[in-house]
């Protein structure tokens, strides 16, 4: 079946925070044909939300619209020459599995992005990145369905304006764009990206292979991030790190002389939250992970309102401390 429909249904299993959210309509599309055939229903809804695995999504309350869950699978080699390989991957492919597949098939480049939760289709939306690498360096174009034009179109990566944890796909102007495929260009000329200090401590060989880098990245992620369990649900990093102006940086350094500074004046919010005493703090059924202060968690027994309250309290605390509003990295529906 190309798509399925459920009315007034729980979408608890479709977002990693696992809140008991009810959606007015849930449409699960399993093919490109399903996107087209379900279009009249989706367009008839007051509003809609597009989901992959929901690993970077929060529903603040029940959703009185249409949730479109993309479950399209498949990978195609479009071109393979001396310079690069061009791979088209469907939006519903699991991201971590896709990275492993590229390594298994000797197509290096994505190993620093191993074990990031989510789907291929979500990767360009917030320009996923980790350990010195961002996905924008490898995306050639995306294939989308435009609900206004009612057609599939190809969009070059340059049109997405991908920046740190952001792209135009996150803006209201692009709300009718559904990603169905992402085309990656992986160069054949490869060199390991090991500049991240913690990686360098774990890599033993002078010329590490893509698989060795992948394994080190996975080890680091498992050490830093809490596991997803029935008693602990989360969406990874809840807040984006701050990129500040020179004047803001001076003020922050005056207050916190030992704060680490990343390139482009990037401030690690996890470090700041830990300094402010948030790490390991709980509030009812939600809290801040004791492994990483950027991760907000849910024990499976609460409501989304509790998480929203906690995240706003954290925002206010940081605003009162350094005069800057920190922004969520996750997409929040219903605020």
C-alpha atoms as a PDB file:
ATOM      1  CA  UNK A   1       0.000   0.000   0.000  1.00  0.00           C
ATOM      2  CA  UNK A   2       1.416   3.387  -1.012  1.00  0.00           C
ATOM      3  CA  UNK A   3       0.047   5.201   2.055  1.00  0.00           C
ATOM      4  CA  UNK A   4      -2.155   4.685   5.099  1.00  0.00           C
ATOM      5  CA  UNK A   5      -4.468   6.950   7.097  1.00  0.00           C
ATOM      6  CA  UNK A   6      -5.388   6.983  10.783  1.00  0.00           C
ATOM      7  CA  UNK A   7      -7.755   9.441  12.461  1.00  0.00           C
ATOM      8  CA  UNK A   8      -7.567  10.756  16.034  1.00  0.00           C
ATOM      9  CA  UNK A   9      -4.660   8.476  16.728  1.00  0.00           C
ATOM     10  CA  UNK A  10      -1.700   8.401  19.079  1.00  0.00           C
ATOM     11  CA  UNK A  11       1.635   9.381  17.567  1.00  0.00           C
ATOM     12  CA  UNK A  12       3.554   8.438  20.680  1.00  0.00           C
ATOM     13  CA  UNK A  13       5.693   5.923  18.779  1.00  0.00           C
ATOM     14  CA  UNK A  14       6.495   8.421  16.028  1.00  0.00           C
ATOM     15  CA  UNK A  15       8.558  10.852  18.098  1.00  0.00           C
ATOM     16  CA  UNK A  16      11.435   9.929  20.384  1.00  0.00           C
ATOM     17  CA  UNK A  17      10.193  11.959  23.388  1.00  0.00           C
ATOM     18  CA  UNK A  18       7.295   9.499  23.551  1.00  0.00           C
ATOM     19  CA  UNK A  19       4.642  11.871  24.879  1.00  0.00           C
ATOM     20  CA  UNK A  20       0.977  10.742  24.669  1.00  0.00           C
ATOM     21  CA  UNK A  21       0.122  13.056  21.778  1.00  0.00           C
ATOM     22  CA  UNK A  22      -3.030  12.596  19.690  1.00  0.00           C
ATOM     23  CA  UNK A  23      -2.982  13.703  16.049  1.00  0.00           C
ATOM     24  CA  UNK A  24      -6.161  14.569  14.194  1.00  0.00           C
ATOM     25  CA  UNK A  25      -4.813  12.726  11.135  1.00  0.00           C
ATOM     26  CA  UNK A  26      -1.754  10.550  10.608  1.00  0.00           C
ATOM     27  CA  UNK A  27      -0.708   9.805   7.032  1.00  0.00           C
ATOM     28  CA  UNK A  28       2.148   7.342   6.535  1.00  0.00           C
ATOM     29  CA  UNK A  29       3.576   7.469   3.018  1.00  0.00           C
ATOM     30  CA  UNK A  30       5.571   4.463   1.825  1.00  0.00           C
ATOM     31  CA  UNK A  31       6.393   5.544  -1.733  1.00  0.00           C
ATOM     32  CA  UNK A  32       6.570   8.535  -4.055  1.00  0.00           C
ATOM     33  CA  UNK A  33       3.227   7.439  -5.438  1.00  0.00           C
ATOM     34  CA  UNK A  34       1.825   7.552  -1.913  1.00  0.00           C
ATOM     35  CA  UNK A  35       2.913  11.185  -1.572  1.00  0.00           C
ATOM     36  CA  UNK A  36       0.934  12.111  -4.688  1.00  0.00           C
ATOM     37  CA  UNK A  37      -2.116  10.005  -3.854  1.00  0.00           C
ATOM     38  CA  UNK A  38      -2.372  11.344  -0.297  1.00  0.00           C
ATOM     39  CA  UNK A  39      -1.905  14.961  -1.406  1.00  0.00           C
ATOM     40  CA  UNK A  40      -5.622  15.949  -1.498  1.00  0.00           C
ATOM     41  CA  UNK A  41      -6.055  14.770   2.090  1.00  0.00           C
ATOM     42  CA  UNK A  42      -2.931  16.558   3.328  1.00  0.00           C
ATOM     43  CA  UNK A  43      -3.917  19.796   1.578  1.00  0.00           C
ATOM     44  CA  UNK A  44      -7.399  19.641   3.100  1.00  0.00           C
ATOM     45  CA  UNK A  45      -5.979  19.825   6.639  1.00  0.00           C
ATOM     46  CA  UNK A  46      -5.643  23.141   8.444  1.00  0.00           C
ATOM     47  CA  UNK A  47      -1.905  22.570   8.823  1.00  0.00           C
ATOM     48  CA  UNK A  48       0.586  19.738   8.699  1.00  0.00           C
ATOM     49  CA  UNK A  49       3.859  18.457  10.110  1.00  0.00           C
ATOM     50  CA  UNK A  50       6.356  16.277   8.271  1.00  0.00           C
ATOM     51  CA  UNK A  51       8.090  13.531  10.247  1.00  0.00           C
ATOM     52  CA  UNK A  52      10.816  11.005   9.674  1.00  0.00           C
ATOM     53  CA  UNK A  53      11.543   9.109  12.873  1.00  0.00           C
ATOM     54  CA  UNK A  54      10.634  12.088  15.068  1.00  0.00           C
ATOM     55  CA  UNK A  55      14.052  12.050  16.725  1.00  0.00           C
ATOM     56  CA  UNK A  56      14.345  15.836  16.595  1.00  0.00           C
ATOM     57  CA  UNK A  57      10.709  16.774  17.159  1.00  0.00           C
ATOM     58  CA  UNK A  58       8.571  17.867  20.095  1.00  0.00           C
ATOM     59  CA  UNK A  59       4.788  18.160  20.037  1.00  0.00           C
ATOM     60  CA  UNK A  60       3.845  20.643  22.757  1.00  0.00           C
ATOM     61  CA  UNK A  61       0.223  19.480  22.757  1.00  0.00           C
ATOM     62  CA  UNK A  62      -2.232  17.361  20.784  1.00  0.00           C
ATOM     63  CA  UNK A  63      -1.907  18.085  17.079  1.00  0.00           C
ATOM     64  CA  UNK A  64      -5.103  19.258  15.386  1.00  0.00           C
ATOM     65  CA  UNK A  65      -3.676  18.846  11.909  1.00  0.00           C
ATOM     66  CA  UNK A  66      -2.158  16.227   9.642  1.00  0.00           C
ATOM     67  CA  UNK A  67       1.096  14.488  10.534  1.00  0.00           C
ATOM     68  CA  UNK A  68       2.805  13.081   7.438  1.00  0.00           C
ATOM     69  CA  UNK A  69       5.265  10.348   8.366  1.00  0.00           C
ATOM     70  CA  UNK A  70       7.699   9.572   5.546  1.00  0.00           C
ATOM     71  CA  UNK A  71       8.617   5.916   5.277  1.00  0.00           C
ATOM     72  CA  UNK A  72      10.042   5.830   1.730  1.00  0.00           C
ATOM     73  CA  UNK A  73      13.072   3.524   1.458  1.00  0.00           C
ATOM     74  CA  UNK A  74      15.775   2.804  -1.098  1.00  0.00           C
ATOM     75  CA  UNK A  75      19.257   3.758  -2.319  1.00  0.00           C
ATOM     76  CA  UNK A  76      20.521   4.244  -5.893  1.00  0.00           C
ATOM     77  CA  UNK A  77      24.024   4.881  -7.249  1.00  0.00           C
ATOM     78  CA  UNK A  78      23.432   7.618  -9.827  1.00  0.00           C
ATOM     79  CA  UNK A  79      27.045   7.967 -10.912  1.00  0.00           C
ATOM     80  CA  UNK A  80      30.421   6.555  -9.908  1.00  0.00           C
ATOM     81  CA  UNK A  81      33.573   7.950 -11.501  1.00  0.00           C
ATOM     82  CA  UNK A  82      37.161   8.744 -10.569  1.00  0.00           C
ATOM     83  CA  UNK A  83      36.218  11.938  -8.752  1.00  0.00           C
ATOM     84  CA  UNK A  84      33.130  11.064  -6.732  1.00  0.00           C
ATOM     85  CA  UNK A  85      30.127   8.830  -6.231  1.00  0.00           C
ATOM     86  CA  UNK A  86      26.607  10.211  -6.456  1.00  0.00           C
ATOM     87  CA  UNK A  87      24.115   8.405  -4.204  1.00  0.00           C
ATOM     88  CA  UNK A  88      20.384   9.036  -4.009  1.00  0.00           C
ATOM     89  CA  UNK A  89      18.887   7.859  -0.719  1.00  0.00           C
ATOM     90  CA  UNK A  90      15.191   7.933   0.119  1.00  0.00           C
ATOM     91  CA  UNK A  91      14.065  10.153   2.974  1.00  0.00           C
ATOM     92  CA  UNK A  92      12.835   7.278   5.145  1.00  0.00           C
ATOM     93  CA  UNK A  93      16.192   5.502   5.267  1.00  0.00           C
ATOM     94  CA  UNK A  94      17.655   5.316   8.775  1.00  0.00           C
ATOM     95  CA  UNK A  95      20.564   7.754   8.910  1.00  0.00           C
ATOM     96  CA  UNK A  96      22.929   5.665  11.037  1.00  0.00           C
ATOM     97  CA  UNK A  97      22.329   2.614   8.833  1.00  0.00           C
ATOM     98  CA  UNK A  98      22.962   4.701   5.720  1.00  0.00           C
ATOM     99  CA  UNK A  99      26.314   5.910   7.068  1.00  0.00           C
ATOM    100  CA  UNK A 100      27.298   2.317   7.839  1.00  0.00           C
ATOM    101  CA  UNK A 101      26.240   1.288   4.321  1.00  0.00           C
ATOM    102  CA  UNK A 102      28.477   3.937   2.732  1.00  0.00           C
ATOM    103  CA  UNK A 103      31.444   2.720   4.773  1.00  0.00           C
ATOM    104  CA  UNK A 104      30.720  -0.937   3.972  1.00  0.00           C
ATOM    105  CA  UNK A 105      30.697  -0.043   0.269  1.00  0.00           C
ATOM    106  CA  UNK A 106      33.927   1.970   0.429  1.00  0.00           C
ATOM    107  CA  UNK A 107      32.286   5.374   0.020  1.00  0.00           C
ATOM    108  CA  UNK A 108      33.903   7.387   2.836  1.00  0.00           C
ATOM    109  CA  UNK A 109      33.046  10.892   3.971  1.00  0.00           C
ATOM    110  CA  UNK A 110      30.130  10.528   6.366  1.00  0.00           C
ATOM    111  CA  UNK A 111      31.888   8.594   9.146  1.00  0.00           C
ATOM    112  CA  UNK A 112      32.040  11.594  11.535  1.00  0.00           C
ATOM    113  CA  UNK A 113      28.239  11.709  11.338  1.00  0.00           C
ATOM    114  CA  UNK A 114      27.783   8.103  12.451  1.00  0.00           C
ATOM    115  CA  UNK A 115      25.121   7.157  14.981  1.00  0.00           C
ATOM    116  CA  UNK A 116      23.163  10.395  14.684  1.00  0.00           C
ATOM    117  CA  UNK A 117      19.523   9.420  15.246  1.00  0.00           C
ATOM    118  CA  UNK A 118      16.948  10.151  12.595  1.00  0.00           C
ATOM    119  CA  UNK A 119      16.384   9.621   8.904  1.00  0.00           C
ATOM    120  CA  UNK A 120      18.126  10.643   5.704  1.00  0.00           C
ATOM    121  CA  UNK A 121      15.356  13.123   4.917  1.00  0.00           C
ATOM    122  CA  UNK A 122      15.964  15.019   8.140  1.00  0.00           C
ATOM    123  CA  UNK A 123      19.702  15.471   7.524  1.00  0.00           C
ATOM    124  CA  UNK A 124      19.540  18.664   5.414  1.00  0.00           C
ATOM    125  CA  UNK A 125      16.736  20.264   7.432  1.00  0.00           C
ATOM    126  CA  UNK A 126      19.005  21.279  10.271  1.00  0.00           C
ATOM    127  CA  UNK A 127      22.298  20.606   8.483  1.00  0.00           C
ATOM    128  CA  UNK A 128      23.290  17.823  10.864  1.00  0.00           C
ATOM    129  CA  UNK A 129      26.865  17.959  12.058  1.00  0.00           C
ATOM    130  CA  UNK A 130      29.254  16.334  14.497  1.00  0.00           C
ATOM    131  CA  UNK A 131      32.956  16.204  15.267  1.00  0.00           C
ATOM    132  CA  UNK A 132      33.994  18.872  12.778  1.00  0.00           C
ATOM    133  CA  UNK A 133      31.842  17.762   9.831  1.00  0.00           C
ATOM    134  CA  UNK A 134      28.521  19.090   8.508  1.00  0.00           C
ATOM    135  CA  UNK A 135      26.264  17.351   6.016  1.00  0.00           C
ATOM    136  CA  UNK A 136      26.114  20.431   3.778  1.00  0.00           C
ATOM    137  CA  UNK A 137      29.576  19.480   2.507  1.00  0.00           C
ATOM    138  CA  UNK A 138      28.162  16.319   0.940  1.00  0.00           C
ATOM    139  CA  UNK A 139      24.652  17.163  -0.271  1.00  0.00           C
ATOM    140  CA  UNK A 140      24.394  17.709  -4.015  1.00  0.00           C
ATOM    141  CA  UNK A 141      20.642  18.273  -4.146  1.00  0.00           C
ATOM    142  CA  UNK A 142      17.368  17.174  -2.631  1.00  0.00           C
ATOM    143  CA  UNK A 143      14.209  15.832  -4.236  1.00  0.00           C
ATOM    144  CA  UNK A 144      11.046  17.287  -2.764  1.00  0.00           C
ATOM    145  CA  UNK A 145       7.318  17.315  -3.285  1.00  0.00           C
ATOM    146  CA  UNK A 146       5.957  20.857  -3.381  1.00  0.00           C
ATOM    147  CA  UNK A 147       2.355  20.833  -2.175  1.00  0.00           C
ATOM    148  CA  UNK A 148       1.704  24.238  -3.762  1.00  0.00           C
ATOM    149  CA  UNK A 149       2.966  23.260  -7.213  1.00  0.00           C
ATOM    150  CA  UNK A 150       1.676  19.714  -6.718  1.00  0.00           C
ATOM    151  CA  UNK A 151       4.819  18.266  -8.266  1.00  0.00           C
ATOM    152  CA  UNK A 152       8.238  16.811  -7.502  1.00  0.00           C
ATOM    153  CA  UNK A 153      11.183  19.160  -7.996  1.00  0.00           C
ATOM    154  CA  UNK A 154      14.955  18.968  -7.578  1.00  0.00           C
ATOM    155  CA  UNK A 155      16.559  21.649  -5.418  1.00  0.00           C
ATOM    156  CA  UNK A 156      20.344  22.221  -5.503  1.00  0.00           C
ATOM    157  CA  UNK A 157      22.013  22.296  -2.106  1.00  0.00           C
ATOM    158  CA  UNK A 158      22.930  25.948  -2.659  1.00  0.00           C
ATOM    159  CA  UNK A 159      19.250  26.953  -2.497  1.00  0.00           C
ATOM    160  CA  UNK A 160      18.886  25.595   1.048  1.00  0.00           C
ATOM    161  CA  UNK A 161      21.255  28.114   2.675  1.00  0.00           C
ATOM    162  CA  UNK A 162      22.492  25.497   5.142  1.00  0.00           C
ATOM    163  CA  UNK A 163      24.237  26.947   8.192  1.00  0.00           C
ATOM    164  CA  UNK A 164      24.973  25.799  11.728  1.00  0.00           C
ATOM    165  CA  UNK A 165      21.988  23.555  12.634  1.00  0.00           C
ATOM    166  CA  UNK A 166      19.758  25.473  10.241  1.00  0.00           C
ATOM    167  CA  UNK A 167      18.457  25.632   6.691  1.00  0.00           C
ATOM    168  CA  UNK A 168      15.623  27.343   4.853  1.00  0.00           C
ATOM    169  CA  UNK A 169      13.696  24.098   5.231  1.00  0.00           C
ATOM    170  CA  UNK A 170      13.035  25.134   8.845  1.00  0.00           C
ATOM    171  CA  UNK A 171      11.318  28.384   7.848  1.00  0.00           C
ATOM    172  CA  UNK A 172       7.545  28.940   7.435  1.00  0.00           C
ATOM    173  CA  UNK A 173       8.061  29.823   3.766  1.00  0.00           C
ATOM    174  CA  UNK A 174       9.135  26.230   3.111  1.00  0.00           C
ATOM    175  CA  UNK A 175       6.395  24.576   5.144  1.00  0.00           C
ATOM    176  CA  UNK A 176       4.840  22.962   2.052  1.00  0.00           C
ATOM    177  CA  UNK A 177       8.063  21.241   0.982  1.00  0.00           C
ATOM    178  CA  UNK A 178       8.305  17.517   1.746  1.00  0.00           C
ATOM    179  CA  UNK A 179      11.699  15.874   1.250  1.00  0.00           C
ATOM    180  CA  UNK A 180      11.461  12.494  -0.490  1.00  0.00           C
ATOM    181  CA  UNK A 181      15.129  11.909  -1.395  1.00  0.00           C
ATOM    182  CA  UNK A 182      18.578  13.339  -0.744  1.00  0.00           C
ATOM    183  CA  UNK A 183      21.387  13.101  -3.304  1.00  0.00           C
ATOM    184  CA  UNK A 184      24.869  12.918  -1.783  1.00  0.00           C
ATOM    185  CA  UNK A 185      28.154  13.499  -3.581  1.00  0.00           C
ATOM    186  CA  UNK A 186      31.001  11.715  -1.792  1.00  0.00           C
ATOM    187  CA  UNK A 187      34.460  12.581  -3.159  1.00  0.00           C
ATOM    188  CA  UNK A 188      36.893   9.778  -3.930  1.00  0.00           C
ATOM    189  CA  UNK A 189      39.787  11.871  -2.637  1.00  0.00           C
ATOM    190  CA  UNK A 190      39.329  11.304   1.076  1.00  0.00           C
ATOM    191  CA  UNK A 191      41.269  12.327   4.154  1.00  0.00           C
ATOM    192  CA  UNK A 192      40.298  11.672   7.787  1.00  0.00           C
ATOM    193  CA  UNK A 193      38.774  14.530   9.763  1.00  0.00           C
ATOM    194  CA  UNK A 194      40.187  14.014  13.254  1.00  0.00           C
ATOM    195  CA  UNK A 195      40.723  17.573  14.448  1.00  0.00           C
ATOM    196  CA  UNK A 196      38.221  17.159  17.268  1.00  0.00           C
ATOM    197  CA  UNK A 197      40.338  16.833  20.427  1.00  0.00           C
ATOM    198  CA  UNK A 198      38.437  13.923  21.965  1.00  0.00           C
ATOM    199  CA  UNK A 199      38.720  11.945  18.730  1.00  0.00           C
ATOM    200  CA  UNK A 200      42.470  12.406  18.612  1.00  0.00           C
ATOM    201  CA  UNK A 201      42.828  10.827  22.047  1.00  0.00           C
ATOM    202  CA  UNK A 202      41.077   7.622  20.928  1.00  0.00           C
ATOM    203  CA  UNK A 203      42.501   7.163  17.430  1.00  0.00           C
ATOM    204  CA  UNK A 204      45.629   5.043  17.643  1.00  0.00           C
ATOM    205  CA  UNK A 205      46.808   4.779  14.022  1.00  0.00           C
ATOM    206  CA  UNK A 206      48.468   7.580  12.067  1.00  0.00           C
ATOM    207  CA  UNK A 207      46.232   6.978   9.067  1.00  0.00           C
ATOM    208  CA  UNK A 208      42.875   5.868  10.466  1.00  0.00           C
ATOM    209  CA  UNK A 209      40.368   4.221   8.157  1.00  0.00           C
ATOM    210  CA  UNK A 210      36.789   5.472   7.768  1.00  0.00           C
ATOM    211  CA  UNK A 211      35.623   2.517   9.836  1.00  0.00           C
ATOM    212  CA  UNK A 212      38.049   3.320  12.651  1.00  0.00           C
ATOM    213  CA  UNK A 213      36.792   6.908  12.719  1.00  0.00           C
ATOM    214  CA  UNK A 214      33.207   5.675  12.678  1.00  0.00           C
ATOM    215  CA  UNK A 215      33.898   3.380  15.644  1.00  0.00           C
ATOM    216  CA  UNK A 216      35.548   6.188  17.621  1.00  0.00           C
ATOM    217  CA  UNK A 217      32.625   8.531  16.914  1.00  0.00           C
ATOM    218  CA  UNK A 218      30.157   5.876  18.076  1.00  0.00           C
ATOM    219  CA  UNK A 219      32.160   5.326  21.256  1.00  0.00           C
ATOM    220  CA  UNK A 220      32.165   9.050  22.011  1.00  0.00           C
ATOM    221  CA  UNK A 221      28.448   9.366  21.362  1.00  0.00           C
ATOM    222  CA  UNK A 222      27.628   6.428  23.633  1.00  0.00           C
ATOM    223  CA  UNK A 223      29.752   7.954  26.396  1.00  0.00           C
ATOM    224  CA  UNK A 224      28.156  11.404  26.118  1.00  0.00           C
ATOM    225  CA  UNK A 225      24.506  10.695  25.335  1.00  0.00           C
ATOM    226  CA  UNK A 226      22.065   8.734  27.493  1.00  0.00           C
ATOM    227  CA  UNK A 227      20.561   5.624  25.879  1.00  0.00           C
ATOM    228  CA  UNK A 228      16.942   5.567  24.758  1.00  0.00           C
ATOM    229  CA  UNK A 229      15.037   3.227  27.070  1.00  0.00           C
ATOM    230  CA  UNK A 230      11.389   2.770  28.162  1.00  0.00           C
ATOM    231  CA  UNK A 231      12.262   4.900  31.206  1.00  0.00           C
ATOM    232  CA  UNK A 232      14.292   7.527  29.352  1.00  0.00           C
ATOM    233  CA  UNK A 233      13.211   9.267  26.166  1.00  0.00           C
ATOM    234  CA  UNK A 234      14.959  12.209  24.523  1.00  0.00           C
ATOM    235  CA  UNK A 235      15.839  13.892  21.228  1.00  0.00           C
ATOM    236  CA  UNK A 236      19.581  14.278  21.680  1.00  0.00           C
ATOM    237  CA  UNK A 237      20.779  17.863  22.008  1.00  0.00           C
ATOM    238  CA  UNK A 238      17.750  19.990  22.831  1.00  0.00           C
ATOM    239  CA  UNK A 239      19.477  23.364  22.466  1.00  0.00           C
ATOM    240  CA  UNK A 240      21.789  24.731  19.796  1.00  0.00           C
ATOM    241  CA  UNK A 241      25.181  26.014  20.804  1.00  0.00           C
ATOM    242  CA  UNK A 242      25.417  29.805  20.642  1.00  0.00           C
ATOM    243  CA  UNK A 243      27.258  31.741  17.972  1.00  0.00           C
ATOM    244  CA  UNK A 244      27.866  35.149  19.529  1.00  0.00           C
ATOM    245  CA  UNK A 245      29.138  38.565  18.472  1.00  0.00           C
ATOM    246  CA  UNK A 246      32.626  39.761  19.493  1.00  0.00           C
ATOM    247  CA  UNK A 247      31.116  42.035  22.163  1.00  0.00           C
ATOM    248  CA  UNK A 248      28.921  39.248  23.531  1.00  0.00           C
ATOM    249  CA  UNK A 249      31.943  36.964  23.669  1.00  0.00           C
ATOM    250  CA  UNK A 250      33.917  39.511  25.691  1.00  0.00           C
ATOM    251  CA  UNK A 251      31.075  39.832  28.193  1.00  0.00           C
ATOM    252  CA  UNK A 252      30.713  36.060  28.553  1.00  0.00           C
ATOM    253  CA  UNK A 253      34.487  35.579  28.943  1.00  0.00           C
ATOM    254  CA  UNK A 254      34.524  38.225  31.657  1.00  0.00           C
ATOM    255  CA  UNK A 255      31.914  36.282  33.615  1.00  0.00           C
ATOM    256  CA  UNK A 256      33.247  32.812  32.742  1.00  0.00           C
ATOM    257  CA  UNK A 257      37.003  33.103  32.044  1.00  0.00           C
ATOM    258  CA  UNK A 258      37.384  29.329  31.656  1.00  0.00           C
ATOM    259  CA  UNK A 259      34.538  28.784  29.186  1.00  0.00           C
ATOM    260  CA  UNK A 260      35.703  26.862  26.104  1.00  0.00           C
ATOM    261  CA  UNK A 261      35.290  28.700  22.801  1.00  0.00           C
ATOM    262  CA  UNK A 262      34.819  26.856  19.514  1.00  0.00           C
ATOM    263  CA  UNK A 263      35.609  28.284  16.052  1.00  0.00           C
ATOM    264  CA  UNK A 264      33.352  31.112  14.807  1.00  0.00           C
ATOM    265  CA  UNK A 265      32.785  32.263  18.418  1.00  0.00           C
ATOM    266  CA  UNK A 266      30.641  29.264  19.220  1.00  0.00           C
ATOM    267  CA  UNK A 267      29.716  28.852  22.897  1.00  0.00           C
ATOM    268  CA  UNK A 268      28.998  25.332  24.237  1.00  0.00           C
ATOM    269  CA  UNK A 269      25.610  25.677  25.906  1.00  0.00           C
ATOM    270  CA  UNK A 270      25.985  22.307  27.640  1.00  0.00           C
ATOM    271  CA  UNK A 271      28.988  23.679  29.536  1.00  0.00           C
ATOM    272  CA  UNK A 272      27.021  26.770  30.535  1.00  0.00           C
ATOM    273  CA  UNK A 273      23.987  24.741  31.657  1.00  0.00           C
ATOM    274  CA  UNK A 274      26.246  22.583  33.796  1.00  0.00           C
ATOM    275  CA  UNK A 275      27.768  25.688  35.384  1.00  0.00           C
ATOM    276  CA  UNK A 276      24.262  26.941  36.135  1.00  0.00           C
ATOM    277  CA  UNK A 277      23.423  23.702  37.943  1.00  0.00           C
ATOM    278  CA  UNK A 278      21.010  22.204  35.410  1.00  0.00           C
ATOM    279  CA  UNK A 279      22.840  18.957  34.730  1.00  0.00           C
ATOM    280  CA  UNK A 280      21.006  16.048  36.377  1.00  0.00           C
ATOM    281  CA  UNK A 281      18.152  18.259  37.585  1.00  0.00           C
ATOM    282  CA  UNK A 282      14.653  16.769  37.375  1.00  0.00           C
ATOM    283  CA  UNK A 283      11.214  18.356  37.393  1.00  0.00           C
ATOM    284  CA  UNK A 284       8.347  15.904  37.701  1.00  0.00           C
ATOM    285  CA  UNK A 285       8.524  13.465  34.809  1.00  0.00           C
ATOM    286  CA  UNK A 286      11.114  15.406  32.825  1.00  0.00           C
ATOM    287  CA  UNK A 287      14.624  16.574  33.505  1.00  0.00           C
ATOM    288  CA  UNK A 288      18.134  17.315  32.304  1.00  0.00           C
ATOM    289  CA  UNK A 289      20.358  14.313  31.684  1.00  0.00           C
ATOM    290  CA  UNK A 290      23.125  13.654  34.193  1.00  0.00           C
ATOM    291  CA  UNK A 291      25.342  12.565  31.268  1.00  0.00           C
ATOM    292  CA  UNK A 292      24.987  15.685  29.127  1.00  0.00           C
ATOM    293  CA  UNK A 293      23.327  18.961  30.088  1.00  0.00           C
ATOM    294  CA  UNK A 294      22.146  19.624  26.518  1.00  0.00           C
ATOM    295  CA  UNK A 295      19.852  16.590  26.665  1.00  0.00           C
ATOM    296  CA  UNK A 296      16.373  16.956  28.146  1.00  0.00           C
ATOM    297  CA  UNK A 297      14.681  13.688  29.076  1.00  0.00           C
ATOM    298  CA  UNK A 298      11.221  12.219  29.713  1.00  0.00           C
ATOM    299  CA  UNK A 299      10.601   9.161  31.891  1.00  0.00           C
ATOM    300  CA  UNK A 300       7.637   7.996  29.816  1.00  0.00           C
ATOM    301  CA  UNK A 301       4.990   8.984  32.373  1.00  0.00           C
ATOM    302  CA  UNK A 302       4.612  12.697  31.749  1.00  0.00           C
ATOM    303  CA  UNK A 303       3.039  15.185  29.391  1.00  0.00           C
ATOM    304  CA  UNK A 304       4.603  17.489  26.837  1.00  0.00           C
ATOM    305  CA  UNK A 305       3.571  20.530  28.876  1.00  0.00           C
ATOM    306  CA  UNK A 306       6.119  19.526  31.522  1.00  0.00           C
ATOM    307  CA  UNK A 307       8.935  19.581  28.974  1.00  0.00           C
ATOM    308  CA  UNK A 308       7.847  22.943  27.579  1.00  0.00           C
ATOM    309  CA  UNK A 309       7.796  24.400  31.096  1.00  0.00           C
ATOM    310  CA  UNK A 310      11.304  23.069  31.795  1.00  0.00           C
ATOM    311  CA  UNK A 311      12.793  24.329  28.565  1.00  0.00           C
ATOM    312  CA  UNK A 312      11.317  27.806  29.101  1.00  0.00           C
ATOM    313  CA  UNK A 313      12.716  27.891  32.646  1.00  0.00           C
ATOM    314  CA  UNK A 314      16.153  27.076  31.249  1.00  0.00           C
ATOM    315  CA  UNK A 315      15.819  29.784  28.588  1.00  0.00           C
ATOM    316  CA  UNK A 316      14.880  32.378  31.214  1.00  0.00           C
ATOM    317  CA  UNK A 317      17.771  31.356  33.472  1.00  0.00           C
ATOM    318  CA  UNK A 318      20.348  31.735  30.700  1.00  0.00           C
ATOM    319  CA  UNK A 319      18.804  35.030  29.569  1.00  0.00           C
ATOM    320  CA  UNK A 320      19.077  36.367  33.121  1.00  0.00           C
ATOM    321  CA  UNK A 321      22.661  35.107  33.316  1.00  0.00           C
ATOM    322  CA  UNK A 322      24.236  36.262  30.037  1.00  0.00           C
ATOM    323  CA  UNK A 323      21.495  38.317  28.372  1.00  0.00           C
ATOM    324  CA  UNK A 324      21.075  35.992  25.383  1.00  0.00           C
ATOM    325  CA  UNK A 325      18.166  33.721  24.457  1.00  0.00           C
ATOM    326  CA  UNK A 326      19.245  30.172  23.676  1.00  0.00           C
ATOM    327  CA  UNK A 327      17.269  28.475  20.918  1.00  0.00           C
ATOM    328  CA  UNK A 328      16.046  24.884  20.715  1.00  0.00           C
ATOM    329  CA  UNK A 329      17.724  22.631  18.173  1.00  0.00           C
ATOM    330  CA  UNK A 330      14.613  20.457  18.077  1.00  0.00           C
ATOM    331  CA  UNK A 331      11.533  21.399  16.068  1.00  0.00           C
ATOM    332  CA  UNK A 332       8.614  22.228  18.371  1.00  0.00           C
ATOM    333  CA  UNK A 333       5.040  22.019  17.112  1.00  0.00           C
ATOM    334  CA  UNK A 334       2.201  23.666  19.006  1.00  0.00           C
ATOM    335  CA  UNK A 335       3.863  26.478  20.947  1.00  0.00           C
END
